[in-house]
Amino acid sequence: MAGAVRDTREVWASYFLLQDRARVLALLADLLKQVSDETARIDVAAFGHASSGELI
């Protein structure tokens, strides 16, 4: 799963509508609070960064 997220995060992130990105980022932030595996946390954070796109 982690590998799939790493390989496709840029593609997936580009499909989020601008109005949905804030919600996705909030969900990812909540997920980071629950995940203890460091590799998973890094991948979720990277996906969040890729998803933030135009919000930065």
C-alpha atoms as a PDB file:
ATOM      1  CA  MET A   1       0.000   0.000   0.000  1.00  0.00           C
ATOM      2  CA  ALA A   2       2.742   2.434   0.949  1.00  0.00           C
ATOM      3  CA  GLY A   3       4.499   1.799  -2.355  1.00  0.00           C
ATOM      4  CA  ALA A   4       1.298   2.395  -4.311  1.00  0.00           C
ATOM      5  CA  VAL A   5       0.732   5.701  -2.542  1.00  0.00           C
ATOM      6  CA  ARG A   6       4.334   6.745  -3.175  1.00  0.00           C
ATOM      7  CA  ASP A   7       4.145   5.857  -6.854  1.00  0.00           C
ATOM      8  CA  THR A   8       0.838   7.519  -7.618  1.00  0.00           C
ATOM      9  CA  ARG A   9       0.427  10.407  -5.164  1.00  0.00           C
ATOM     10  CA  GLU A  10       1.228  13.076  -7.749  1.00  0.00           C
ATOM     11  CA  VAL A  11      -1.366  11.659 -10.151  1.00  0.00           C
ATOM     12  CA  TRP A  12      -4.060  11.185  -7.505  1.00  0.00           C
ATOM     13  CA  ALA A  13      -3.497  14.625  -6.039  1.00  0.00           C
ATOM     14  CA  SER A  14      -3.995  16.299  -9.394  1.00  0.00           C
ATOM     15  CA  TYR A  15      -7.555  14.949  -9.617  1.00  0.00           C
ATOM     16  CA  PHE A  16      -8.837  16.644  -6.445  1.00  0.00           C
ATOM     17  CA  LEU A  17     -11.034  19.639  -7.110  1.00  0.00           C
ATOM     18  CA  LEU A  18      -9.775  22.789  -5.461  1.00  0.00           C
ATOM     19  CA  GLN A  19     -12.779  22.942  -3.124  1.00  0.00           C
ATOM     20  CA  ASP A  20     -12.122  19.339  -2.015  1.00  0.00           C
ATOM     21  CA  ARG A  21      -8.429  19.781  -1.257  1.00  0.00           C
ATOM     22  CA  ALA A  22      -8.977  21.461   2.113  1.00  0.00           C
ATOM     23  CA  ARG A  23     -11.144  18.544   3.236  1.00  0.00           C
ATOM     24  CA  VAL A  24      -8.605  15.993   2.007  1.00  0.00           C
ATOM     25  CA  LEU A  25      -5.811  17.820   3.830  1.00  0.00           C
ATOM     26  CA  ALA A  26      -7.862  17.867   7.046  1.00  0.00           C
ATOM     27  CA  LEU A  27      -8.510  14.122   6.730  1.00  0.00           C
ATOM     28  CA  LEU A  28      -4.817  13.477   6.149  1.00  0.00           C
ATOM     29  CA  ALA A  29      -3.906  15.560   9.207  1.00  0.00           C
ATOM     30  CA  ASP A  30      -6.289  13.462  11.319  1.00  0.00           C
ATOM     31  CA  LEU A  31      -4.811  10.294   9.842  1.00  0.00           C
ATOM     32  CA  LEU A  32      -1.298  11.397  10.796  1.00  0.00           C
ATOM     33  CA  LYS A  33      -2.442  11.633  14.425  1.00  0.00           C
ATOM     34  CA  GLN A  34      -3.549   7.998  14.339  1.00  0.00           C
ATOM     35  CA  VAL A  35      -0.692   6.349  12.426  1.00  0.00           C
ATOM     36  CA  SER A  36       2.368   5.286  14.388  1.00  0.00           C
ATOM     37  CA  ASP A  37       4.383   3.636  11.596  1.00  0.00           C
ATOM     38  CA  GLU A  38       7.044   6.123  10.494  1.00  0.00           C
ATOM     39  CA  THR A  39       7.115   5.011   6.855  1.00  0.00           C
ATOM     40  CA  ALA A  40       3.340   5.353   6.609  1.00  0.00           C
ATOM     41  CA  ARG A  41       3.503   8.782   8.263  1.00  0.00           C
ATOM     42  CA  ILE A  42       6.113   9.947   5.746  1.00  0.00           C
ATOM     43  CA  ASP A  43       4.008   8.674   2.845  1.00  0.00           C
ATOM     44  CA  VAL A  44       0.813  10.287   4.165  1.00  0.00           C
ATOM     45  CA  ALA A  45       2.641  13.573   4.716  1.00  0.00           C
ATOM     46  CA  ALA A  46       4.089  13.439   1.191  1.00  0.00           C
ATOM     47  CA  PHE A  47       0.639  12.750  -0.229  1.00  0.00           C
ATOM     48  CA  GLY A  48      -0.675  15.728   1.716  1.00  0.00           C
ATOM     49  CA  HIS A  49       2.077  17.906   0.331  1.00  0.00           C
ATOM     50  CA  ALA A  50       1.303  16.762  -3.229  1.00  0.00           C
ATOM     51  CA  SER A  51      -2.419  17.307  -2.593  1.00  0.00           C
ATOM     52  CA  SER A  52      -1.952  20.838  -1.324  1.00  0.00           C
ATOM     53  CA  GLY A  53      -1.022  21.965  -4.838  1.00  0.00           C
ATOM     54  CA  GLU A  54      -2.530  25.372  -5.379  1.00  0.00           C
ATOM     55  CA  LEU A  55      -3.294  25.885  -1.674  1.00  0.00           C
ATOM     56  CA  ILE A  56       0.355  26.612  -0.885  1.00  0.00           C
END
